[in-house]
Amino acid sequence: MAAFLKELADRLAQGKVSLRKGTEEVTLTMPENVILELKAEEKIKPGKTKYSLEIEIEWGSGEGSGPVSLG
């Protein structure tokens, strides 16, 4: 996971992020200014506790591009 996040950070710094699933690919051109949201959560249930960390990057239209190519 750490290697993936480092690679994602490098791509964000370059301004383009490509995501692939099988033969499908989506490339996003990232704007200079985005909103970064982080959320940590703990869900406690009898006999089981679940933790999650969500990382969300968002921006509005006109601030950058959405998908620029589909594979």
N, C-alpha and C. Protein backbone atom coordinates (compact mmCIF):
# COMPACT_ATOMS: atom_id res chain seq x y z
N MET A 1 0.82 -1.17 0.00
CA MET A 1 0.00 0.00 0.00
C MET A 1 0.87 1.25 0.00
N ALA A 2 1.93 1.26 0.78
CA ALA A 2 2.81 2.43 0.83
C ALA A 2 3.41 2.72 -0.54
N ALA A 3 3.81 1.67 -1.26
CA ALA A 3 4.39 1.87 -2.60
C ALA A 3 3.35 2.49 -3.54
N PHE A 4 2.09 2.04 -3.45
CA PHE A 4 1.03 2.61 -4.28
C PHE A 4 0.83 4.08 -3.96
N LEU A 5 0.78 4.42 -2.67
CA LEU A 5 0.57 5.82 -2.28
C LEU A 5 1.73 6.71 -2.70
N LYS A 6 2.97 6.19 -2.63
CA LYS A 6 4.12 6.96 -3.10
C LYS A 6 4.03 7.21 -4.60
N GLU A 7 3.66 6.17 -5.35
CA GLU A 7 3.51 6.32 -6.81
C GLU A 7 2.39 7.30 -7.14
N LEU A 8 1.29 7.23 -6.41
CA LEU A 8 0.18 8.16 -6.62
C LEU A 8 0.62 9.59 -6.33
N ALA A 9 1.38 9.80 -5.26
CA ALA A 9 1.89 11.13 -4.92
C ALA A 9 2.79 11.67 -6.03
N ASP A 10 3.65 10.83 -6.59
CA ASP A 10 4.51 11.25 -7.69
C ASP A 10 3.69 11.67 -8.90
N ARG A 11 2.65 10.91 -9.20
CA ARG A 11 1.80 11.24 -10.35
C ARG A 11 1.02 12.53 -10.10
N LEU A 12 0.55 12.72 -8.87
CA LEU A 12 -0.15 13.96 -8.54
C LEU A 12 0.78 15.16 -8.69
N ALA A 13 2.03 15.00 -8.29
CA ALA A 13 3.01 16.08 -8.42
C ALA A 13 3.27 16.42 -9.88
N GLN A 14 3.17 15.43 -10.76
CA GLN A 14 3.36 15.64 -12.20
C GLN A 14 2.11 16.19 -12.86
N GLY A 15 0.97 16.13 -12.16
CA GLY A 15 -0.26 16.71 -12.69
C GLY A 15 -1.14 15.76 -13.48
N LYS A 16 -0.77 14.49 -13.58
CA LYS A 16 -1.60 13.51 -14.30
C LYS A 16 -1.64 12.21 -13.53
N VAL A 17 -2.83 11.65 -13.42
CA VAL A 17 -3.01 10.37 -12.74
C VAL A 17 -3.75 9.44 -13.69
N SER A 18 -3.18 8.28 -13.95
CA SER A 18 -3.83 7.26 -14.77
C SER A 18 -4.24 6.10 -13.89
N LEU A 19 -5.47 5.67 -14.07
CA LEU A 19 -6.00 4.54 -13.32
C LEU A 19 -6.36 3.44 -14.30
N ARG A 20 -5.95 2.22 -14.00
CA ARG A 20 -6.20 1.10 -14.91
C ARG A 20 -6.92 -0.03 -14.18
N LYS A 21 -7.84 -0.65 -14.87
CA LYS A 21 -8.49 -1.86 -14.40
C LYS A 21 -8.66 -2.75 -15.62
N GLY A 22 -7.87 -3.82 -15.66
CA GLY A 22 -7.89 -4.68 -16.84
C GLY A 22 -7.42 -3.91 -18.05
N THR A 23 -8.25 -3.85 -19.09
CA THR A 23 -7.89 -3.12 -20.30
C THR A 23 -8.43 -1.69 -20.30
N GLU A 24 -9.18 -1.32 -19.27
CA GLU A 24 -9.74 0.03 -19.19
C GLU A 24 -8.75 0.96 -18.50
N GLU A 25 -8.67 2.20 -18.98
CA GLU A 25 -7.79 3.19 -18.40
C GLU A 25 -8.46 4.55 -18.42
N VAL A 26 -8.33 5.28 -17.33
CA VAL A 26 -8.81 6.65 -17.23
C VAL A 26 -7.64 7.51 -16.78
N THR A 27 -7.40 8.62 -17.49
CA THR A 27 -6.34 9.55 -17.11
C THR A 27 -6.97 10.86 -16.68
N LEU A 28 -6.57 11.34 -15.52
CA LEU A 28 -7.06 12.61 -15.00
C LEU A 28 -5.94 13.63 -15.01
N THR A 29 -6.25 14.83 -15.51
CA THR A 29 -5.32 15.95 -15.41
C THR A 29 -5.72 16.72 -14.15
N MET A 30 -4.78 16.82 -13.23
CA MET A 30 -5.08 17.40 -11.93
C MET A 30 -4.85 18.91 -11.93
N PRO A 31 -5.75 19.68 -11.33
CA PRO A 31 -5.53 21.12 -11.20
C PRO A 31 -4.51 21.38 -10.10
N GLU A 32 -4.03 22.61 -10.04
CA GLU A 32 -3.05 22.97 -9.01
C GLU A 32 -3.68 23.00 -7.62
N ASN A 33 -4.94 23.39 -7.55
CA ASN A 33 -5.61 23.51 -6.25
C ASN A 33 -6.73 22.47 -6.15
N VAL A 34 -6.65 21.66 -5.12
CA VAL A 34 -7.67 20.65 -4.87
C VAL A 34 -8.04 20.70 -3.39
N ILE A 35 -9.11 20.03 -3.05
CA ILE A 35 -9.53 19.88 -1.66
C ILE A 35 -9.16 18.47 -1.22
N LEU A 36 -8.43 18.38 -0.13
CA LEU A 36 -8.02 17.09 0.41
C LEU A 36 -8.81 16.84 1.68
N GLU A 37 -9.52 15.72 1.70
CA GLU A 37 -10.28 15.35 2.89
C GLU A 37 -9.74 14.04 3.44
N LEU A 38 -9.52 13.99 4.73
CA LEU A 38 -9.08 12.78 5.41
C LEU A 38 -10.12 12.44 6.47
N LYS A 39 -10.41 11.14 6.59
CA LYS A 39 -11.39 10.71 7.57
C LYS A 39 -10.91 9.41 8.20
N ALA A 40 -10.78 9.40 9.51
CA ALA A 40 -10.44 8.19 10.26
C ALA A 40 -11.68 7.76 11.02
N GLU A 41 -11.92 6.46 11.02
CA GLU A 41 -13.15 5.96 11.62
C GLU A 41 -12.88 4.67 12.39
N GLU A 42 -13.59 4.51 13.49
CA GLU A 42 -13.52 3.29 14.29
C GLU A 42 -14.95 2.81 14.50
N LYS A 43 -15.23 1.59 14.08
CA LYS A 43 -16.56 1.00 14.27
C LYS A 43 -16.41 -0.16 15.24
N ILE A 44 -17.03 -0.01 16.39
CA ILE A 44 -16.92 -1.02 17.43
C ILE A 44 -18.20 -1.86 17.44
N LYS A 45 -18.00 -3.17 17.29
CA LYS A 45 -19.09 -4.13 17.37
C LYS A 45 -18.67 -5.20 18.37
N PRO A 46 -19.61 -5.89 18.92
CA PRO A 46 -19.24 -6.95 19.87
C PRO A 46 -18.27 -7.96 19.24
N GLY A 47 -17.12 -8.11 19.85
CA GLY A 47 -16.13 -9.08 19.37
C GLY A 47 -15.34 -8.65 18.15
N LYS A 48 -15.60 -7.45 17.63
CA LYS A 48 -14.90 -7.03 16.42
C LYS A 48 -14.87 -5.50 16.33
N THR A 49 -13.69 -4.96 16.11
CA THR A 49 -13.54 -3.52 15.89
C THR A 49 -12.95 -3.33 14.51
N LYS A 50 -13.53 -2.43 13.74
CA LYS A 50 -13.08 -2.18 12.37
C LYS A 50 -12.62 -0.73 12.27
N TYR A 51 -11.46 -0.54 11.63
CA TYR A 51 -10.90 0.79 11.44
C TYR A 51 -10.83 1.10 9.95
N SER A 52 -10.96 2.38 9.62
CA SER A 52 -10.81 2.78 8.22
C SER A 52 -10.18 4.16 8.16
N LEU A 53 -9.48 4.40 7.06
CA LEU A 53 -8.89 5.70 6.77
C LEU A 53 -9.26 6.02 5.33
N GLU A 54 -9.99 7.09 5.14
CA GLU A 54 -10.41 7.51 3.81
C GLU A 54 -9.63 8.75 3.40
N ILE A 55 -9.14 8.73 2.17
CA ILE A 55 -8.43 9.87 1.60
C ILE A 55 -9.18 10.27 0.34
N GLU A 56 -9.66 11.50 0.30
CA GLU A 56 -10.45 11.96 -0.84
C GLU A 56 -9.84 13.24 -1.40
N ILE A 57 -9.69 13.27 -2.71
CA ILE A 57 -9.19 14.45 -3.40
C ILE A 57 -10.31 14.91 -4.33
N GLU A 58 -10.71 16.17 -4.20
CA GLU A 58 -11.81 16.63 -5.07
C GLU A 58 -11.54 18.04 -5.57
N TRP A 59 -12.20 18.35 -6.69
CA TRP A 59 -12.12 19.67 -7.29
C TRP A 59 -13.35 19.87 -8.14
N GLY A 60 -13.66 21.10 -8.44
CA GLY A 60 -14.84 21.41 -9.22
C GLY A 60 -14.52 21.54 -10.70
N SER A 61 -15.56 21.50 -11.51
CA SER A 61 -15.36 21.68 -12.95
C SER A 61 -14.80 23.07 -13.20
N GLY A 62 -13.95 23.18 -14.20
CA GLY A 62 -13.29 24.44 -14.49
C GLY A 62 -11.99 24.62 -13.72
N GLU A 63 -11.77 23.79 -12.70
CA GLU A 63 -10.54 23.88 -11.92
C GLU A 63 -9.48 22.92 -12.45
N GLY A 64 -9.87 22.02 -13.29
CA GLY A 64 -8.98 21.02 -13.84
C GLY A 64 -9.79 20.14 -14.76
N SER A 65 -9.23 19.07 -15.20
CA SER A 65 -9.94 18.18 -16.10
C SER A 65 -10.45 16.96 -15.39
N GLY A 66 -11.51 16.43 -15.93
CA GLY A 66 -11.97 15.12 -15.52
C GLY A 66 -11.22 14.12 -16.37
N PRO A 67 -11.87 13.00 -16.68
CA PRO A 67 -11.20 12.00 -17.52
C PRO A 67 -10.83 12.59 -18.88
N VAL A 68 -9.58 12.35 -19.32
CA VAL A 68 -9.15 12.85 -20.62
C VAL A 68 -8.95 11.73 -21.62
N SER A 69 -8.92 10.48 -21.16
CA SER A 69 -8.82 9.40 -22.13
C SER A 69 -9.34 8.13 -21.51
N LEU A 70 -9.96 7.33 -22.31
CA LEU A 70 -10.47 6.02 -21.89
C LEU A 70 -9.81 4.97 -22.75
N GLY A 71 -9.34 3.89 -22.14
CA GLY A 71 -8.65 2.84 -22.87
C GLY A 71 -9.57 1.88 -23.38
